[in-house]
């Protein structure tokens, strides 16, 4: 992985994590937490969405949408675990 790909991955993770935090009103994990949530969300959505037959276009916008969907799923799961 080159530096450019890493920077793009961090930006996508930050945007997706921040958007998901605004929608779900997560735990307020801060910038680093939002980046991590967005990146993990991207991994979740990258695996889950094709399994159920949903394919979102490529490019940076498609990556942000994918990561956003996965981050929302992750934040909902984290919220359920936190309550229990």
PDB file of N, CA and C in Angstrom:
ATOM      1  N   UNK A   1       0.858  -1.172   0.000  1.00  0.00           N
ATOM      2  CA  UNK A   1       0.000   0.000   0.000  1.00  0.00           C
ATOM      3  C   UNK A   1       0.903   1.233   0.000  1.00  0.00           C
ATOM      4  N   UNK A   2       0.664   2.106  -0.955  1.00  0.00           N
ATOM      5  CA  UNK A   2       1.466   3.317  -1.007  1.00  0.00           C
ATOM      6  C   UNK A   2       0.842   4.415  -0.152  1.00  0.00           C
ATOM      7  N   UNK A   3       1.530   5.511  -0.024  1.00  0.00           N
ATOM      8  CA  UNK A   3       1.107   6.601   0.852  1.00  0.00           C
ATOM      9  C   UNK A   3      -0.206   7.207   0.361  1.00  0.00           C
ATOM     10  N   UNK A   4      -0.358   7.341  -0.940  1.00  0.00           N
ATOM     11  CA  UNK A   4      -1.578   7.924  -1.493  1.00  0.00           C
ATOM     12  C   UNK A   4      -2.805   7.091  -1.132  1.00  0.00           C
ATOM     13  N   UNK A   5      -2.711   5.788  -1.261  1.00  0.00           N
ATOM     14  CA  UNK A   5      -3.827   4.908  -0.921  1.00  0.00           C
ATOM     15  C   UNK A   5      -4.156   4.985   0.565  1.00  0.00           C
ATOM     16  N   UNK A   6      -3.137   5.075   1.390  1.00  0.00           N
ATOM     17  CA  UNK A   6      -3.358   5.190   2.834  1.00  0.00           C
ATOM     18  C   UNK A   6      -4.072   6.489   3.177  1.00  0.00           C
ATOM     19  N   UNK A   7      -3.670   7.577   2.559  1.00  0.00           N
ATOM     20  CA  UNK A   7      -4.312   8.871   2.815  1.00  0.00           C
ATOM     21  C   UNK A   7      -5.772   8.837   2.365  1.00  0.00           C
ATOM     22  N   UNK A   8      -6.031   8.259   1.203  1.00  0.00           N
ATOM     23  CA  UNK A   8      -7.412   8.159   0.717  1.00  0.00           C
ATOM     24  C   UNK A   8      -8.244   7.298   1.650  1.00  0.00           C
ATOM     25  N   UNK A   9      -7.668   6.185   2.129  1.00  0.00           N
ATOM     26  CA  UNK A   9      -8.385   5.309   3.057  1.00  0.00           C
ATOM     27  C   UNK A   9      -8.713   6.040   4.358  1.00  0.00           C
ATOM     28  N   UNK A  10      -7.774   6.849   4.857  1.00  0.00           N
ATOM     29  CA  UNK A  10      -8.008   7.622   6.077  1.00  0.00           C
ATOM     30  C   UNK A  10      -9.092   8.680   5.861  1.00  0.00           C
ATOM     31  N   UNK A  11      -9.070   9.339   4.703  1.00  0.00           N
ATOM     32  CA  UNK A  11     -10.083  10.358   4.421  1.00  0.00           C
ATOM     33  C   UNK A  11     -11.463   9.726   4.289  1.00  0.00           C
ATOM     34  N   UNK A  12     -11.547   8.617   3.568  1.00  0.00           N
ATOM     35  CA  UNK A  12     -12.832   7.915   3.429  1.00  0.00           C
ATOM     36  C   UNK A  12     -13.326   7.455   4.795  1.00  0.00           C
ATOM     37  N   UNK A  13     -12.434   6.900   5.603  1.00  0.00           N
ATOM     38  CA  UNK A  13     -12.816   6.455   6.943  1.00  0.00           C
ATOM     39  C   UNK A  13     -13.281   7.604   7.818  1.00  0.00           C
ATOM     40  N   UNK A  14     -12.605   8.739   7.732  1.00  0.00           N
ATOM     41  CA  UNK A  14     -12.977   9.898   8.549  1.00  0.00           C
ATOM     42  C   UNK A  14     -14.345  10.434   8.147  1.00  0.00           C
ATOM     43  N   UNK A  15     -14.574  10.581   6.853  1.00  0.00           N
ATOM     44  CA  UNK A  15     -15.857  11.107   6.381  1.00  0.00           C
ATOM     45  C   UNK A  15     -16.993  10.147   6.729  1.00  0.00           C
ATOM     46  N   UNK A  16     -16.793   8.868   6.444  1.00  0.00           N
ATOM     47  CA  UNK A  16     -17.835   7.877   6.718  1.00  0.00           C
ATOM     48  C   UNK A  16     -18.104   7.748   8.213  1.00  0.00           C
ATOM     49  N   UNK A  17     -17.056   7.740   9.022  1.00  0.00           N
ATOM     50  CA  UNK A  17     -17.233   7.648  10.471  1.00  0.00           C
ATOM     51  C   UNK A  17     -17.937   8.859  11.039  1.00  0.00           C
ATOM     52  N   UNK A  18     -17.582  10.051  10.531  1.00  0.00           N
ATOM     53  CA  UNK A  18     -18.225  11.272  11.007  1.00  0.00           C
ATOM     54  C   UNK A  18     -19.703  11.292  10.629  1.00  0.00           C
ATOM     55  N   UNK A  19     -20.013  10.936   9.375  1.00  0.00           N
ATOM     56  CA  UNK A  19     -21.409  10.896   8.936  1.00  0.00           C
ATOM     57  C   UNK A  19     -22.214   9.877   9.742  1.00  0.00           C
ATOM     58  N   UNK A  20     -21.643   8.713   9.958  1.00  0.00           N
ATOM     59  CA  UNK A  20     -22.340   7.676  10.733  1.00  0.00           C
ATOM     60  C   UNK A  20     -22.560   8.132  12.164  1.00  0.00           C
ATOM     61  N   UNK A  21     -21.585   8.833  12.743  1.00  0.00           N
ATOM     62  CA  UNK A  21     -21.721   9.337  14.105  1.00  0.00           C
ATOM     63  C   UNK A  21     -22.843  10.370  14.182  1.00  0.00           C
ATOM     64  N   UNK A  22     -22.995  11.178  13.129  1.00  0.00           N
ATOM     65  CA  UNK A  22     -24.067  12.172  13.103  1.00  0.00           C
ATOM     66  C   UNK A  22     -25.439  11.513  12.974  1.00  0.00           C
ATOM     67  N   UNK A  23     -25.522  10.444  12.187  1.00  0.00           N
ATOM     68  CA  UNK A  23     -26.805   9.771  11.962  1.00  0.00           C
ATOM     69  C   UNK A  23     -27.211   8.943  13.167  1.00  0.00           C
ATOM     70  N   UNK A  24     -26.290   8.149  13.685  1.00  0.00           N
ATOM     71  CA  UNK A  24     -26.605   7.226  14.771  1.00  0.00           C
ATOM     72  C   UNK A  24     -26.470   7.910  16.123  1.00  0.00           C
ATOM     73  N   UNK A  25     -25.811   9.050  16.152  1.00  0.00           N
ATOM     74  CA  UNK A  25     -25.480   9.725  17.406  1.00  0.00           C
ATOM     75  C   UNK A  25     -24.761   8.749  18.317  1.00  0.00           C
ATOM     76  N   UNK A  26     -23.603   8.312  17.833  1.00  0.00           N
ATOM     77  CA  UNK A  26     -22.801   7.318  18.540  1.00  0.00           C
ATOM     78  C   UNK A  26     -22.269   7.824  19.860  1.00  0.00           C
ATOM     79  N   UNK A  27     -21.199   7.236  20.303  1.00  0.00           N
ATOM     80  CA  UNK A  27     -20.665   7.541  21.609  1.00  0.00           C
ATOM     81  C   UNK A  27     -19.734   8.730  21.637  1.00  0.00           C
ATOM     82  N   UNK A  28     -19.587   9.462  20.547  1.00  0.00           N
ATOM     83  CA  UNK A  28     -18.670  10.588  20.525  1.00  0.00           C
ATOM     84  C   UNK A  28     -17.232  10.115  20.645  1.00  0.00           C
ATOM     85  N   UNK A  29     -16.779   9.334  19.673  1.00  0.00           N
ATOM     86  CA  UNK A  29     -15.462   8.712  19.747  1.00  0.00           C
ATOM     87  C   UNK A  29     -14.334   9.648  19.340  1.00  0.00           C
ATOM     88  N   UNK A  30     -14.631  10.832  18.842  1.00  0.00           N
ATOM     89  CA  UNK A  30     -13.599  11.766  18.430  1.00  0.00           C
ATOM     90  C   UNK A  30     -13.100  11.459  17.024  1.00  0.00           C
ATOM     91  N   UNK A  31     -12.143  12.244  16.557  1.00  0.00           N
ATOM     92  CA  UNK A  31     -11.658  12.114  15.184  1.00  0.00           C
ATOM     93  C   UNK A  31     -11.024  10.757  14.926  1.00  0.00           C
ATOM     94  N   UNK A  32     -10.134  10.320  15.796  1.00  0.00           N
ATOM     95  CA  UNK A  32      -9.467   9.029  15.610  1.00  0.00           C
ATOM     96  C   UNK A  32     -10.491   7.897  15.666  1.00  0.00           C
ATOM     97  N   UNK A  33     -11.409   7.972  16.596  1.00  0.00           N
ATOM     98  CA  UNK A  33     -12.449   6.955  16.705  1.00  0.00           C
ATOM     99  C   UNK A  33     -13.336   6.923  15.469  1.00  0.00           C
ATOM    100  N   UNK A  34     -13.676   8.114  14.930  1.00  0.00           N
ATOM    101  CA  UNK A  34     -14.486   8.165  13.720  1.00  0.00           C
ATOM    102  C   UNK A  34     -13.754   7.549  12.537  1.00  0.00           C
ATOM    103  N   UNK A  35     -12.450   7.803  12.444  1.00  0.00           N
ATOM    104  CA  UNK A  35     -11.664   7.211  11.361  1.00  0.00           C
ATOM    105  C   UNK A  35     -11.664   5.693  11.478  1.00  0.00           C
ATOM    106  N   UNK A  36     -11.453   5.199  12.694  1.00  0.00           N
ATOM    107  CA  UNK A  36     -11.425   3.749  12.904  1.00  0.00           C
ATOM    108  C   UNK A  36     -12.795   3.137  12.613  1.00  0.00           C
ATOM    109  N   UNK A  37     -13.855   3.788  13.099  1.00  0.00           N
ATOM    110  CA  UNK A  37     -15.208   3.285  12.849  1.00  0.00           C
ATOM    111  C   UNK A  37     -15.496   3.276  11.351  1.00  0.00           C
ATOM    112  N   UNK A  38     -15.090   4.330  10.645  1.00  0.00           N
ATOM    113  CA  UNK A  38     -15.307   4.386   9.204  1.00  0.00           C
ATOM    114  C   UNK A  38     -14.526   3.328   8.455  1.00  0.00           C
ATOM    115  N   UNK A  39     -13.277   3.091   8.860  1.00  0.00           N
ATOM    116  CA  UNK A  39     -12.458   2.084   8.181  1.00  0.00           C
ATOM    117  C   UNK A  39     -12.993   0.682   8.447  1.00  0.00           C
ATOM    118  N   UNK A  40     -13.340   0.391   9.688  1.00  0.00           N
ATOM    119  CA  UNK A  40     -13.912  -0.920  10.008  1.00  0.00           C
ATOM    120  C   UNK A  40     -15.273  -1.065   9.337  1.00  0.00           C
ATOM    121  N   UNK A  41     -16.025   0.022   9.300  1.00  0.00           N
ATOM    122  CA  UNK A  41     -17.307   0.002   8.603  1.00  0.00           C
ATOM    123  C   UNK A  41     -17.147  -0.296   7.124  1.00  0.00           C
ATOM    124  N   UNK A  42     -16.094   0.247   6.523  1.00  0.00           N
ATOM    125  CA  UNK A  42     -15.814  -0.058   5.123  1.00  0.00           C
ATOM    126  C   UNK A  42     -15.520  -1.527   4.909  1.00  0.00           C
ATOM    127  N   UNK A  43     -14.799  -2.121   5.835  1.00  0.00           N
ATOM    128  CA  UNK A  43     -14.520  -3.561   5.747  1.00  0.00           C
ATOM    129  C   UNK A  43     -15.803  -4.375   5.920  1.00  0.00           C
ATOM    130  N   UNK A  44     -16.629  -3.965   6.865  1.00  0.00           N
ATOM    131  CA  UNK A  44     -17.894  -4.681   7.099  1.00  0.00           C
ATOM    132  C   UNK A  44     -18.778  -4.596   5.855  1.00  0.00           C
ATOM    133  N   UNK A  45     -18.942  -3.384   5.327  1.00  0.00           N
ATOM    134  CA  UNK A  45     -19.805  -3.203   4.161  1.00  0.00           C
ATOM    135  C   UNK A  45     -19.212  -3.869   2.924  1.00  0.00           C
ATOM    136  N   UNK A  46     -17.887  -3.858   2.803  1.00  0.00           N
ATOM    137  CA  UNK A  46     -17.245  -4.504   1.670  1.00  0.00           C
ATOM    138  C   UNK A  46     -17.488  -6.003   1.640  1.00  0.00           C
ATOM    139  N   UNK A  47     -17.687  -6.583   2.799  1.00  0.00           N
ATOM    140  CA  UNK A  47     -17.991  -8.012   2.860  1.00  0.00           C
ATOM    141  C   UNK A  47     -19.500  -8.256   2.823  1.00  0.00           C
ATOM    142  N   UNK A  48     -20.268  -7.491   3.618  1.00  0.00           N
ATOM    143  CA  UNK A  48     -21.687  -7.767   3.812  1.00  0.00           C
ATOM    144  C   UNK A  48     -22.546  -7.418   2.596  1.00  0.00           C
ATOM    145  N   UNK A  49     -22.341  -6.259   2.012  1.00  0.00           N
ATOM    146  CA  UNK A  49     -23.224  -5.823   0.932  1.00  0.00           C
ATOM    147  C   UNK A  49     -23.202  -6.755  -0.280  1.00  0.00           C
ATOM    148  N   UNK A  50     -22.046  -7.202  -0.769  1.00  0.00           N
ATOM    149  CA  UNK A  50     -22.087  -8.167  -1.879  1.00  0.00           C
ATOM    150  C   UNK A  50     -22.742  -9.493  -1.500  1.00  0.00           C
ATOM    151  N   UNK A  51     -22.670  -9.873  -0.228  1.00  0.00           N
ATOM    152  CA  UNK A  51     -23.292 -11.122   0.220  1.00  0.00           C
ATOM    153  C   UNK A  51     -24.810 -11.069   0.073  1.00  0.00           C
ATOM    154  N   UNK A  52     -25.394  -9.872   0.265  1.00  0.00           N
ATOM    155  CA  UNK A  52     -26.852  -9.742   0.152  1.00  0.00           C
ATOM    156  C   UNK A  52     -27.273  -9.180  -1.201  1.00  0.00           C
ATOM    157  N   UNK A  53     -26.317  -9.029  -2.125  1.00  0.00           N
ATOM    158  CA  UNK A  53     -26.639  -8.650  -3.493  1.00  0.00           C
ATOM    159  C   UNK A  53     -26.676  -7.160  -3.772  1.00  0.00           C
ATOM    160  N   UNK A  54     -26.134  -6.343  -2.892  1.00  0.00           N
ATOM    161  CA  UNK A  54     -26.110  -4.898  -3.102  1.00  0.00           C
ATOM    162  C   UNK A  54     -24.713  -4.501  -3.552  1.00  0.00           C
ATOM    163  N   UNK A  55     -24.636  -3.869  -4.724  1.00  0.00           N
ATOM    164  CA  UNK A  55     -23.357  -3.416  -5.246  1.00  0.00           C
ATOM    165  C   UNK A  55     -23.462  -1.924  -5.509  1.00  0.00           C
ATOM    166  N   UNK A  56     -22.619  -1.164  -4.852  1.00  0.00           N
ATOM    167  CA  UNK A  56     -22.594   0.291  -5.021  1.00  0.00           C
ATOM    168  C   UNK A  56     -21.408   0.614  -5.916  1.00  0.00           C
ATOM    169  N   UNK A  57     -21.580   1.602  -6.786  1.00  0.00           N
ATOM    170  CA  UNK A  57     -20.556   1.964  -7.760  1.00  0.00           C
ATOM    171  C   UNK A  57     -19.195   2.218  -7.148  1.00  0.00           C
ATOM    172  N   UNK A  58     -18.213   2.309  -8.011  1.00  0.00           N
ATOM    173  CA  UNK A  58     -16.834   2.513  -7.580  1.00  0.00           C
ATOM    174  C   UNK A  58     -16.519   3.982  -7.360  1.00  0.00           C
ATOM    175  N   UNK A  59     -15.274   4.261  -7.193  1.00  0.00           N
ATOM    176  CA  UNK A  59     -14.820   5.625  -6.972  1.00  0.00           C
ATOM    177  C   UNK A  59     -14.883   6.028  -5.515  1.00  0.00           C
ATOM    178  N   UNK A  60     -14.488   7.254  -5.266  1.00  0.00           N
ATOM    179  CA  UNK A  60     -14.410   7.747  -3.895  1.00  0.00           C
ATOM    180  C   UNK A  60     -15.797   7.885  -3.275  1.00  0.00           C
ATOM    181  N   UNK A  61     -16.789   8.305  -4.058  1.00  0.00           N
ATOM    182  CA  UNK A  61     -18.151   8.456  -3.526  1.00  0.00           C
ATOM    183  C   UNK A  61     -18.729   7.089  -3.165  1.00  0.00           C
ATOM    184  N   UNK A  62     -18.527   6.107  -4.013  1.00  0.00           N
ATOM    185  CA  UNK A  62     -18.991   4.752  -3.709  1.00  0.00           C
ATOM    186  C   UNK A  62     -18.314   4.187  -2.476  1.00  0.00           C
ATOM    187  N   UNK A  63     -17.014   4.480  -2.320  1.00  0.00           N
ATOM    188  CA  UNK A  63     -16.291   4.007  -1.139  1.00  0.00           C
ATOM    189  C   UNK A  63     -16.824   4.663   0.129  1.00  0.00           C
ATOM    190  N   UNK A  64     -17.137   5.956   0.053  1.00  0.00           N
ATOM    191  CA  UNK A  64     -17.678   6.657   1.228  1.00  0.00           C
ATOM    192  C   UNK A  64     -19.061   6.116   1.577  1.00  0.00           C
ATOM    193  N   UNK A  65     -19.895   5.874   0.570  1.00  0.00           N
ATOM    194  CA  UNK A  65     -21.237   5.330   0.833  1.00  0.00           C
ATOM    195  C   UNK A  65     -21.134   3.943   1.447  1.00  0.00           C
ATOM    196  N   UNK A  66     -20.269   3.090   0.887  1.00  0.00           N
ATOM    197  CA  UNK A  66     -20.059   1.749   1.449  1.00  0.00           C
ATOM    198  C   UNK A  66     -19.595   1.832   2.895  1.00  0.00           C
ATOM    199  N   UNK A  67     -18.565   2.642   3.140  1.00  0.00           N
ATOM    200  CA  UNK A  67     -18.022   2.758   4.490  1.00  0.00           C
ATOM    201  C   UNK A  67     -19.048   3.350   5.438  1.00  0.00           C
ATOM    202  N   UNK A  68     -19.863   4.286   4.961  1.00  0.00           N
ATOM    203  CA  UNK A  68     -20.904   4.884   5.787  1.00  0.00           C
ATOM    204  C   UNK A  68     -21.917   3.836   6.225  1.00  0.00           C
ATOM    205  N   UNK A  69     -22.379   3.015   5.284  1.00  0.00           N
ATOM    206  CA  UNK A  69     -23.354   1.961   5.622  1.00  0.00           C
ATOM    207  C   UNK A  69     -22.755   0.998   6.648  1.00  0.00           C
ATOM    208  N   UNK A  70     -21.520   0.581   6.425  1.00  0.00           N
ATOM    209  CA  UNK A  70     -20.870  -0.314   7.381  1.00  0.00           C
ATOM    210  C   UNK A  70     -20.640   0.338   8.728  1.00  0.00           C
ATOM    211  N   UNK A  71     -20.296   1.631   8.724  1.00  0.00           N
ATOM    212  CA  UNK A  71     -20.067   2.337   9.990  1.00  0.00           C
ATOM    213  C   UNK A  71     -21.358   2.486  10.780  1.00  0.00           C
ATOM    214  N   UNK A  72     -22.463   2.724  10.094  1.00  0.00           N
ATOM    215  CA  UNK A  72     -23.757   2.800  10.783  1.00  0.00           C
ATOM    216  C   UNK A  72     -24.082   1.459  11.427  1.00  0.00           C
ATOM    217  N   UNK A  73     -23.874   0.377  10.687  1.00  0.00           N
ATOM    218  CA  UNK A  73     -24.108  -0.959  11.242  1.00  0.00           C
ATOM    219  C   UNK A  73     -23.222  -1.186  12.466  1.00  0.00           C
ATOM    220  N   UNK A  74     -21.943  -0.813  12.349  1.00  0.00           N
ATOM    221  CA  UNK A  74     -21.008  -0.993  13.460  1.00  0.00           C
ATOM    222  C   UNK A  74     -21.420  -0.168  14.677  1.00  0.00           C
ATOM    223  N   UNK A  75     -21.823   1.086  14.482  1.00  0.00           N
ATOM    224  CA  UNK A  75     -22.218   1.930  15.611  1.00  0.00           C
ATOM    225  C   UNK A  75     -23.478   1.408  16.288  1.00  0.00           C
ATOM    226  N   UNK A  76     -24.409   0.871  15.510  1.00  0.00           N
ATOM    227  CA  UNK A  76     -25.617   0.288  16.111  1.00  0.00           C
ATOM    228  C   UNK A  76     -25.246  -0.927  16.952  1.00  0.00           C
ATOM    229  N   UNK A  77     -24.349  -1.759  16.440  1.00  0.00           N
ATOM    230  CA  UNK A  77     -23.902  -2.922  17.206  1.00  0.00           C
ATOM    231  C   UNK A  77     -23.181  -2.481  18.476  1.00  0.00           C
ATOM    232  N   UNK A  78     -22.297  -1.483  18.366  1.00  0.00           N
ATOM    233  CA  UNK A  78     -21.582  -0.987  19.553  1.00  0.00           C
ATOM    234  C   UNK A  78     -22.538  -0.406  20.581  1.00  0.00           C
ATOM    235  N   UNK A  79     -23.577   0.298  20.112  1.00  0.00           N
ATOM    236  CA  UNK A  79     -24.557   0.868  21.036  1.00  0.00           C
ATOM    237  C   UNK A  79     -25.320  -0.235  21.763  1.00  0.00           C
ATOM    238  N   UNK A  80     -25.687  -1.318  21.040  1.00  0.00           N
ATOM    239  CA  UNK A  80     -26.393  -2.429  21.668  1.00  0.00           C
ATOM    240  C   UNK A  80     -25.518  -3.133  22.698  1.00  0.00           C
ATOM    241  N   UNK A  81     -24.235  -3.293  22.385  1.00  0.00           N
ATOM    242  CA  UNK A  81     -23.320  -3.929  23.329  1.00  0.00           C
ATOM    243  C   UNK A  81     -23.104  -3.053  24.550  1.00  0.00           C
ATOM    244  N   UNK A  82     -23.034  -1.744  24.338  1.00  0.00           N
ATOM    245  CA  UNK A  82     -22.807  -0.813  25.446  1.00  0.00           C
ATOM    246  C   UNK A  82     -23.978  -0.804  26.417  1.00  0.00           C
ATOM    247  N   UNK A  83     -25.200  -0.957  25.892  1.00  0.00           N
ATOM    248  CA  UNK A  83     -26.377  -0.973  26.753  1.00  0.00           C
ATOM    249  C   UNK A  83     -26.478  -2.230  27.591  1.00  0.00           C
ATOM    250  N   UNK A  84     -26.002  -3.339  27.052  1.00  0.00           N
ATOM    251  CA  UNK A  84     -26.152  -4.623  27.743  1.00  0.00           C
ATOM    252  C   UNK A  84     -25.239  -4.737  28.927  1.00  0.00           C
TER     253      UNK A  84
END
